[in-house]
Amino acid sequence: MEHVAIMRKSWGLTQKILDGRKKIESRWYSAKREPWNSVKEGEVIYFKDSGEPVTLKAEVKKVIQFADLTPNRVRKILDEYGDDDGLEKEKIPEFFERFKDKQYCILIFLKNPRAIEPFAINKAGFGAMAAWITVDDISSIKRKSR
């Protein structure tokens, strides 16, 4: 499988992935949703900032999933993995507030991040608010150049 992770542009995380400051992509949810149980070691994730084309890709080194989270467990995950997730120490409390009531966390460890020739995708059928897309082949959602 191949994946597209859509990132909040204002957080500047795609640049952190590219320059190695962000080695983990985390997703926090109240209910199980993509990529829960669907992203695996060795697969490829393409990254794009919202409203922008896909600009980089990385391989999945490993995946850790956490369920039945409590605020205490959320704090421990942030303390242990926050730095590799590209979070500055002083911002951990802000992210704790954002994630403390989530039930699920997926940590996707990345390797070999690299810039690629930018391309747009067609999100039709995935929902306008989709933040993660899983497909058999990325070419199936690549927009054709005009």
N, C-alpha and C. Protein backbone atom coordinates (compact mmCIF):
# COMPACT_ATOMS: atom_id res chain seq x y z
N MET A 1 0.84 -1.19 0.00
CA MET A 1 0.00 0.00 0.00
C MET A 1 0.89 1.25 0.00
N GLU A 2 0.31 2.33 -0.50
CA GLU A 2 0.97 3.63 -0.45
C GLU A 2 0.02 4.60 0.24
N HIS A 3 0.58 5.61 0.86
CA HIS A 3 -0.19 6.50 1.70
C HIS A 3 0.13 7.95 1.38
N VAL A 4 -0.87 8.82 1.58
CA VAL A 4 -0.65 10.26 1.51
C VAL A 4 -1.06 10.83 2.85
N ALA A 5 -0.12 11.50 3.50
CA ALA A 5 -0.39 12.18 4.77
C ALA A 5 -0.53 13.67 4.46
N ILE A 6 -1.67 14.23 4.84
CA ILE A 6 -1.93 15.64 4.60
C ILE A 6 -1.68 16.38 5.91
N MET A 7 -0.78 17.33 5.84
CA MET A 7 -0.28 18.01 7.02
C MET A 7 -0.85 19.41 7.14
N ARG A 8 -0.99 19.89 8.36
CA ARG A 8 -1.40 21.27 8.60
C ARG A 8 -0.23 22.18 8.23
N LYS A 9 -0.44 22.97 7.20
CA LYS A 9 0.64 23.80 6.65
C LYS A 9 1.28 24.71 7.70
N SER A 10 0.46 25.29 8.56
CA SER A 10 0.97 26.28 9.54
C SER A 10 1.95 25.67 10.54
N TRP A 11 1.96 24.35 10.67
CA TRP A 11 2.86 23.71 11.63
C TRP A 11 4.25 23.48 11.05
N GLY A 12 4.43 23.59 9.74
CA GLY A 12 5.75 23.46 9.13
C GLY A 12 6.39 22.09 9.28
N LEU A 13 5.58 21.05 9.35
CA LEU A 13 6.12 19.72 9.65
C LEU A 13 6.78 19.05 8.45
N THR A 14 6.33 19.36 7.22
CA THR A 14 6.96 18.70 6.07
C THR A 14 8.43 19.08 5.98
N GLN A 15 8.76 20.33 6.26
CA GLN A 15 10.16 20.75 6.23
C GLN A 15 10.96 20.03 7.31
N LYS A 16 10.34 19.82 8.48
CA LYS A 16 11.02 19.11 9.56
C LYS A 16 11.29 17.65 9.19
N ILE A 17 10.38 17.04 8.43
CA ILE A 17 10.61 15.67 7.97
C ILE A 17 11.80 15.66 7.02
N LEU A 18 11.79 16.59 6.09
CA LEU A 18 12.83 16.64 5.07
C LEU A 18 14.22 16.87 5.66
N ASP A 19 14.31 17.74 6.67
CA ASP A 19 15.65 18.03 7.23
C ASP A 19 16.01 17.14 8.42
N GLY A 20 15.16 16.15 8.73
CA GLY A 20 15.52 15.16 9.75
C GLY A 20 15.15 15.52 11.17
N ARG A 21 14.52 16.69 11.40
CA ARG A 21 14.11 17.04 12.77
C ARG A 21 12.86 16.29 13.19
N LYS A 22 12.11 15.77 12.24
CA LYS A 22 10.89 14.99 12.53
C LYS A 22 11.09 13.59 11.95
N LYS A 23 11.28 12.63 12.85
CA LYS A 23 11.55 11.24 12.46
C LYS A 23 10.33 10.34 12.65
N ILE A 24 9.29 10.89 13.28
CA ILE A 24 8.05 10.15 13.55
C ILE A 24 6.88 10.99 13.08
N GLU A 25 5.94 10.37 12.39
CA GLU A 25 4.66 11.01 12.09
C GLU A 25 3.66 10.41 13.07
N SER A 26 2.99 11.26 13.85
CA SER A 26 2.01 10.75 14.81
C SER A 26 0.62 11.18 14.36
N ARG A 27 -0.33 10.32 14.62
CA ARG A 27 -1.73 10.62 14.39
C ARG A 27 -2.48 10.25 15.66
N TRP A 28 -3.33 11.18 16.10
CA TRP A 28 -4.08 11.03 17.36
C TRP A 28 -5.56 11.08 17.03
N TYR A 29 -6.34 10.10 17.54
CA TYR A 29 -7.75 10.01 17.18
C TYR A 29 -8.61 9.66 18.38
N SER A 30 -9.87 10.05 18.29
CA SER A 30 -10.87 9.66 19.28
C SER A 30 -11.47 8.30 18.92
N ALA A 31 -11.47 7.97 17.63
CA ALA A 31 -11.98 6.68 17.14
C ALA A 31 -10.96 6.14 16.13
N LYS A 32 -10.97 4.83 15.93
CA LYS A 32 -10.03 4.23 14.97
C LYS A 32 -10.36 4.71 13.56
N ARG A 33 -9.33 5.19 12.86
CA ARG A 33 -9.49 5.60 11.47
C ARG A 33 -8.14 5.50 10.78
N GLU A 34 -8.14 5.69 9.46
CA GLU A 34 -6.89 5.62 8.71
C GLU A 34 -5.85 6.48 9.39
N PRO A 35 -4.64 5.98 9.57
CA PRO A 35 -4.07 4.75 9.06
C PRO A 35 -4.04 3.59 10.07
N TRP A 36 -4.94 3.58 11.06
CA TRP A 36 -4.96 2.53 12.07
C TRP A 36 -5.01 1.16 11.38
N ASN A 37 -4.09 0.29 11.74
CA ASN A 37 -3.99 -1.08 11.18
C ASN A 37 -3.80 -1.12 9.67
N SER A 38 -3.45 0.00 9.04
CA SER A 38 -3.30 -0.07 7.58
C SER A 38 -1.92 0.36 7.09
N VAL A 39 -1.11 0.97 7.95
CA VAL A 39 0.24 1.36 7.52
C VAL A 39 1.23 0.36 8.10
N LYS A 40 2.13 -0.11 7.23
CA LYS A 40 3.05 -1.18 7.63
C LYS A 40 4.50 -0.83 7.30
N GLU A 41 5.40 -1.46 8.01
CA GLU A 41 6.83 -1.32 7.76
C GLU A 41 7.13 -1.59 6.29
N GLY A 42 7.99 -0.74 5.70
CA GLY A 42 8.40 -0.91 4.32
C GLY A 42 7.53 -0.17 3.31
N GLU A 43 6.36 0.29 3.73
CA GLU A 43 5.49 1.03 2.81
C GLU A 43 6.00 2.46 2.65
N VAL A 44 5.41 3.17 1.69
CA VAL A 44 5.82 4.54 1.39
C VAL A 44 4.70 5.49 1.78
N ILE A 45 5.10 6.60 2.41
CA ILE A 45 4.16 7.68 2.71
C ILE A 45 4.60 8.91 1.94
N TYR A 46 3.65 9.48 1.21
CA TYR A 46 3.86 10.75 0.54
C TYR A 46 3.28 11.83 1.45
N PHE A 47 3.94 12.98 1.50
CA PHE A 47 3.49 14.05 2.38
C PHE A 47 3.16 15.29 1.57
N LYS A 48 2.10 15.97 2.01
CA LYS A 48 1.74 17.25 1.41
C LYS A 48 1.18 18.16 2.48
N ASP A 49 1.45 19.43 2.35
CA ASP A 49 0.78 20.42 3.19
C ASP A 49 -0.60 20.65 2.60
N SER A 50 -1.58 20.93 3.46
CA SER A 50 -2.93 21.16 2.97
C SER A 50 -2.92 22.29 1.95
N GLY A 51 -3.66 22.09 0.86
CA GLY A 51 -3.75 23.09 -0.19
C GLY A 51 -2.55 23.14 -1.12
N GLU A 52 -1.57 22.27 -0.92
CA GLU A 52 -0.34 22.26 -1.72
C GLU A 52 -0.18 20.90 -2.40
N PRO A 53 0.73 20.79 -3.36
CA PRO A 53 0.98 19.48 -3.97
C PRO A 53 1.81 18.59 -3.03
N VAL A 54 1.87 17.32 -3.35
CA VAL A 54 2.75 16.37 -2.67
C VAL A 54 4.18 16.77 -3.02
N THR A 55 5.07 16.84 -2.00
CA THR A 55 6.43 17.31 -2.26
C THR A 55 7.52 16.39 -1.72
N LEU A 56 7.16 15.41 -0.90
CA LEU A 56 8.19 14.52 -0.37
C LEU A 56 7.61 13.16 -0.05
N LYS A 57 8.51 12.22 0.12
CA LYS A 57 8.09 10.88 0.53
C LYS A 57 9.12 10.31 1.49
N ALA A 58 8.66 9.32 2.25
CA ALA A 58 9.54 8.62 3.20
C ALA A 58 9.06 7.18 3.30
N GLU A 59 9.95 6.33 3.75
CA GLU A 59 9.59 4.94 3.98
C GLU A 59 9.21 4.74 5.44
N VAL A 60 8.36 3.75 5.68
CA VAL A 60 7.96 3.41 7.04
C VAL A 60 8.99 2.44 7.62
N LYS A 61 9.63 2.88 8.70
CA LYS A 61 10.63 2.06 9.39
C LYS A 61 9.95 1.10 10.37
N LYS A 62 8.98 1.64 11.14
CA LYS A 62 8.21 0.82 12.07
C LYS A 62 6.98 1.60 12.51
N VAL A 63 6.01 0.88 13.07
CA VAL A 63 4.75 1.48 13.51
C VAL A 63 4.46 0.99 14.92
N ILE A 64 4.07 1.91 15.80
CA ILE A 64 3.59 1.56 17.14
C ILE A 64 2.20 2.16 17.29
N GLN A 65 1.26 1.37 17.76
CA GLN A 65 -0.11 1.85 17.97
C GLN A 65 -0.45 1.75 19.47
N PHE A 66 -1.13 2.77 19.95
CA PHE A 66 -1.57 2.81 21.35
C PHE A 66 -3.09 2.97 21.37
N ALA A 67 -3.77 2.17 22.18
CA ALA A 67 -5.22 2.26 22.32
C ALA A 67 -5.57 2.51 23.78
N ASP A 68 -6.84 2.88 24.02
CA ASP A 68 -7.34 3.10 25.38
C ASP A 68 -6.46 4.09 26.14
N LEU A 69 -6.17 5.19 25.49
CA LEU A 69 -5.31 6.20 26.11
C LEU A 69 -5.99 6.89 27.28
N THR A 70 -5.17 7.33 28.20
CA THR A 70 -5.59 8.18 29.32
C THR A 70 -4.72 9.43 29.23
N PRO A 71 -5.09 10.51 29.88
CA PRO A 71 -4.22 11.68 29.86
C PRO A 71 -2.79 11.36 30.33
N ASN A 72 -2.65 10.47 31.30
CA ASN A 72 -1.32 10.11 31.78
C ASN A 72 -0.50 9.40 30.69
N ARG A 73 -1.15 8.47 29.98
CA ARG A 73 -0.45 7.77 28.89
C ARG A 73 -0.10 8.73 27.76
N VAL A 74 -0.99 9.67 27.46
CA VAL A 74 -0.71 10.68 26.42
C VAL A 74 0.54 11.47 26.80
N ARG A 75 0.61 11.89 28.06
CA ARG A 75 1.78 12.65 28.53
C ARG A 75 3.06 11.82 28.36
N LYS A 76 3.00 10.54 28.73
CA LYS A 76 4.19 9.68 28.61
C LYS A 76 4.62 9.52 27.15
N ILE A 77 3.67 9.35 26.24
CA ILE A 77 3.99 9.22 24.81
C ILE A 77 4.65 10.51 24.32
N LEU A 78 4.07 11.65 24.68
CA LEU A 78 4.65 12.94 24.26
C LEU A 78 6.04 13.14 24.84
N ASP A 79 6.22 12.78 26.11
CA ASP A 79 7.54 12.93 26.74
C ASP A 79 8.58 12.03 26.08
N GLU A 80 8.18 10.80 25.76
CA GLU A 80 9.14 9.85 25.20
C GLU A 80 9.42 10.09 23.71
N TYR A 81 8.39 10.44 22.95
CA TYR A 81 8.54 10.50 21.50
C TYR A 81 8.40 11.90 20.90
N GLY A 82 8.04 12.88 21.72
CA GLY A 82 7.78 14.22 21.21
C GLY A 82 8.92 14.83 20.42
N ASP A 83 10.14 14.68 20.90
CA ASP A 83 11.30 15.25 20.21
C ASP A 83 11.43 14.66 18.80
N ASP A 84 11.36 13.34 18.68
CA ASP A 84 11.45 12.69 17.36
C ASP A 84 10.23 12.96 16.50
N ASP A 85 9.14 13.42 17.13
CA ASP A 85 7.92 13.79 16.39
C ASP A 85 8.00 15.25 15.93
N GLY A 86 9.14 15.89 16.18
CA GLY A 86 9.34 17.26 15.71
C GLY A 86 8.73 18.32 16.61
N LEU A 87 8.39 17.95 17.85
CA LEU A 87 7.77 18.90 18.78
C LEU A 87 8.84 19.53 19.67
N GLU A 88 8.86 20.84 19.71
CA GLU A 88 9.79 21.52 20.61
C GLU A 88 9.32 21.30 22.04
N LYS A 89 10.27 21.13 22.96
CA LYS A 89 9.96 20.85 24.37
C LYS A 89 8.92 21.83 24.95
N GLU A 90 9.10 23.12 24.63
CA GLU A 90 8.19 24.11 25.21
C GLU A 90 6.77 24.02 24.64
N LYS A 91 6.59 23.30 23.54
CA LYS A 91 5.25 23.15 22.95
C LYS A 91 4.55 21.88 23.40
N ILE A 92 5.24 21.01 24.13
CA ILE A 92 4.63 19.75 24.59
C ILE A 92 3.34 20.01 25.39
N PRO A 93 3.31 20.98 26.31
CA PRO A 93 2.06 21.21 27.05
C PRO A 93 0.89 21.59 26.12
N GLU A 94 1.17 22.35 25.09
CA GLU A 94 0.13 22.73 24.12
C GLU A 94 -0.41 21.48 23.41
N PHE A 95 0.49 20.58 23.00
CA PHE A 95 0.06 19.36 22.32
C PHE A 95 -0.63 18.41 23.29
N PHE A 96 -0.19 18.41 24.55
CA PHE A 96 -0.87 17.59 25.56
C PHE A 96 -2.33 18.03 25.66
N GLU A 97 -2.57 19.33 25.73
CA GLU A 97 -3.95 19.84 25.80
C GLU A 97 -4.77 19.39 24.59
N ARG A 98 -4.15 19.39 23.44
CA ARG A 98 -4.83 19.02 22.20
C ARG A 98 -5.14 17.51 22.16
N PHE A 99 -4.25 16.67 22.73
CA PHE A 99 -4.38 15.22 22.59
C PHE A 99 -4.84 14.48 23.84
N LYS A 100 -4.94 15.16 24.98
CA LYS A 100 -5.16 14.46 26.26
C LYS A 100 -6.44 13.61 26.29
N ASP A 101 -7.44 13.94 25.50
CA ASP A 101 -8.69 13.18 25.52
C ASP A 101 -8.81 12.20 24.36
N LYS A 102 -7.76 12.05 23.58
CA LYS A 102 -7.78 11.11 22.46
C LYS A 102 -7.67 9.68 22.98
N GLN A 103 -8.23 8.75 22.25
CA GLN A 103 -8.23 7.34 22.64
C GLN A 103 -7.15 6.52 21.95
N TYR A 104 -6.70 7.00 20.77
CA TYR A 104 -5.77 6.23 19.96
C TYR A 104 -4.62 7.09 19.47
N CYS A 105 -3.44 6.49 19.39
CA CYS A 105 -2.27 7.16 18.85
C CYS A 105 -1.50 6.17 17.99
N ILE A 106 -1.08 6.65 16.82
CA ILE A 106 -0.26 5.85 15.92
C ILE A 106 1.06 6.61 15.75
N LEU A 107 2.16 5.94 16.01
CA LEU A 107 3.49 6.51 15.76
C LEU A 107 4.09 5.78 14.57
N ILE A 108 4.39 6.54 13.54
CA ILE A 108 4.96 5.97 12.32
C ILE A 108 6.39 6.49 12.21
N PHE A 109 7.34 5.60 12.39
CA PHE A 109 8.76 5.96 12.34
C PHE A 109 9.17 6.01 10.88
N LEU A 110 9.83 7.10 10.49
CA LEU A 110 10.17 7.35 9.09
C LEU A 110 11.65 7.13 8.82
N LYS A 111 11.95 6.73 7.59
CA LYS A 111 13.35 6.65 7.16
C LYS A 111 13.45 7.10 5.70
N ASN A 112 14.63 7.55 5.33
CA ASN A 112 14.93 7.98 3.96
C ASN A 112 13.97 9.03 3.41
N PRO A 113 13.70 10.10 4.16
CA PRO A 113 12.84 11.14 3.59
C PRO A 113 13.56 11.85 2.44
N ARG A 114 12.81 12.17 1.40
CA ARG A 114 13.43 12.89 0.29
C ARG A 114 12.39 13.69 -0.48
N ALA A 115 12.86 14.81 -1.00
CA ALA A 115 12.02 15.65 -1.84
C ALA A 115 11.76 14.93 -3.16
N ILE A 116 10.58 15.14 -3.71
CA ILE A 116 10.23 14.54 -4.99
C ILE A 116 9.65 15.62 -5.89
N GLU A 117 9.56 15.30 -7.18
CA GLU A 117 8.90 16.20 -8.13
C GLU A 117 7.47 16.41 -7.65
N PRO A 118 7.06 17.65 -7.37
CA PRO A 118 5.71 17.89 -6.83
C PRO A 118 4.61 17.40 -7.77
N PHE A 119 3.55 16.87 -7.18
CA PHE A 119 2.37 16.49 -7.96
C PHE A 119 1.12 16.69 -7.12
N ALA A 120 0.01 16.96 -7.81
CA ALA A 120 -1.29 17.14 -7.16
C ALA A 120 -1.99 15.78 -7.10
N ILE A 121 -2.93 15.66 -6.18
CA ILE A 121 -3.72 14.43 -6.08
C ILE A 121 -5.20 14.76 -6.21
N ASN A 122 -5.96 13.77 -6.58
CA ASN A 122 -7.42 13.87 -6.65
C ASN A 122 -7.97 13.18 -5.41
N LYS A 123 -8.56 13.95 -4.50
CA LYS A 123 -9.10 13.40 -3.26
C LYS A 123 -10.54 12.94 -3.39
N ALA A 124 -11.09 12.99 -4.60
CA ALA A 124 -12.49 12.59 -4.79
C ALA A 124 -12.72 11.19 -4.25
N GLY A 125 -13.77 11.05 -3.47
CA GLY A 125 -14.11 9.75 -2.89
C GLY A 125 -13.48 9.50 -1.53
N PHE A 126 -12.57 10.38 -1.10
CA PHE A 126 -11.92 10.20 0.20
C PHE A 126 -12.45 11.17 1.25
N GLY A 127 -13.27 12.12 0.82
CA GLY A 127 -13.80 13.13 1.73
C GLY A 127 -12.92 14.36 1.72
N ALA A 128 -13.56 15.51 1.68
CA ALA A 128 -12.84 16.78 1.58
C ALA A 128 -11.91 17.00 2.77
N MET A 129 -12.26 16.43 3.92
CA MET A 129 -11.46 16.65 5.13
C MET A 129 -10.47 15.51 5.39
N ALA A 130 -10.36 14.59 4.47
CA ALA A 130 -9.44 13.45 4.67
C ALA A 130 -8.03 13.95 4.94
N ALA A 131 -7.41 13.46 6.02
CA ALA A 131 -6.05 13.85 6.36
C ALA A 131 -5.07 12.70 6.10
N TRP A 132 -5.61 11.55 5.72
CA TRP A 132 -4.78 10.38 5.42
C TRP A 132 -5.49 9.58 4.35
N ILE A 133 -4.77 9.23 3.30
CA ILE A 133 -5.33 8.45 2.20
C ILE A 133 -4.44 7.23 1.98
N THR A 134 -5.06 6.06 1.87
CA THR A 134 -4.34 4.83 1.59
C THR A 134 -4.83 4.28 0.26
N VAL A 135 -3.90 3.99 -0.64
CA VAL A 135 -4.23 3.46 -1.96
C VAL A 135 -3.27 2.33 -2.31
N ASP A 136 -3.67 1.50 -3.26
CA ASP A 136 -2.78 0.43 -3.74
C ASP A 136 -1.59 1.02 -4.47
N ASP A 137 -1.84 2.09 -5.24
CA ASP A 137 -0.81 2.67 -6.09
C ASP A 137 -1.04 4.17 -6.18
N ILE A 138 -0.04 4.94 -5.84
CA ILE A 138 -0.17 6.41 -5.83
C ILE A 138 -0.60 6.95 -7.20
N SER A 139 -0.23 6.28 -8.27
CA SER A 139 -0.59 6.79 -9.61
C SER A 139 -2.11 6.82 -9.80
N SER A 140 -2.85 6.05 -9.01
CA SER A 140 -4.31 6.03 -9.15
C SER A 140 -4.97 7.33 -8.69
N ILE A 141 -4.26 8.14 -7.90
CA ILE A 141 -4.85 9.42 -7.46
C ILE A 141 -4.03 10.64 -7.90
N LYS A 142 -2.96 10.39 -8.66
CA LYS A 142 -2.18 11.51 -9.18
C LYS A 142 -3.01 12.26 -10.21
N ARG A 143 -3.03 13.58 -10.08
CA ARG A 143 -3.71 14.40 -11.09
C ARG A 143 -2.83 14.48 -12.31
N LYS A 144 -3.45 14.36 -13.45
CA LYS A 144 -2.71 14.48 -14.71
C LYS A 144 -2.31 15.93 -14.92
N SER A 145 -1.09 16.14 -15.37
CA SER A 145 -0.62 17.50 -15.69
C SER A 145 -1.40 18.02 -16.89
N ARG A 146 -1.63 19.33 -16.87
CA ARG A 146 -2.35 19.93 -18.01
C ARG A 146 -1.38 20.40 -19.05
